[in-house]
């Protein structure tokens, strides 16, 4: 029993070492697009596509906070191609990166993000999952856009009630359309963004046969879309329909599927890819990258 405990301790330690280590990337990292058109053309699905890893909330690990630029760089160095991050609005109208409505879980502050001006939020420190201060500050959207240029694709999860016009203006000001994708949660928001900026690429949720059929009724070029199919595997027909539309399918592996991969190994991710997932949005970047690198 003693030897078993030692083995388990070493196994867990090795996992977290791999999660925190530097570059492991031989996986394709699509960067350097000069226009939104080039971005859309890259994400036109084809059977020989190379699967990609998206770092959920930037890919935090012990010692690294979620939605922090230093964490984003760690994820990219590990082989992620996409940084998924969350955007909220300060009291004085600045878009900043924060998942929760409140500051309590991820910073040294307390209260609602929307109750504080940017200057006050910048005085706080981000913390990791164990509430240890990391030395990182809450980044503005503009700071993240500047960092991401020629480094990563951003998937921006815009928290309500931020108006699409504000986000589009920020992206246009930063010339960030070639590397930015806005996540939308309903088809109405999808069309609002499209009418404001027809060049913008969007990630829309459609994880059922019925929702895909509805999506096909909207007058938006399909080349503008990636499709999030959910946090569990959809009906295989969903993958077939979306691939017939030449759309990339994003599968959220955070929580249940990630936990399964931790228990059973990287083959879990490989099987998800074989069955149709093109982008894995994961909390465990290193393990998902390793799965793609060692695909048989």
Foldseek 3Di string as FASTA:
>chain_A
DVVVVVVVVVLVVVQLCLLQDFAPAPADADADDPALVVLLVLQQADPPAQFFEEAAQLQAGVLGFRQFPVSVNRLLRLHHNEYEWEWDAALVGFIWTDDDQFPPQFKPDTDGRNDHDPVVQQVIFTAHNVRHGNRTGTGTPLVVLVSCHRRHAYEYEYDPPDDLVVVVVSCVVSVRQNRYEYEDEDVVSVVVNCVNPVSHAYEYEDQAPVSVVVVVVDPHQCSSYAYENEQDHGDLVVLVVCVVSSHAYEHEVEDPNQVVCSVVHLVSLLVSVVSHHRYYHYSRSNRPSVSSVPRD
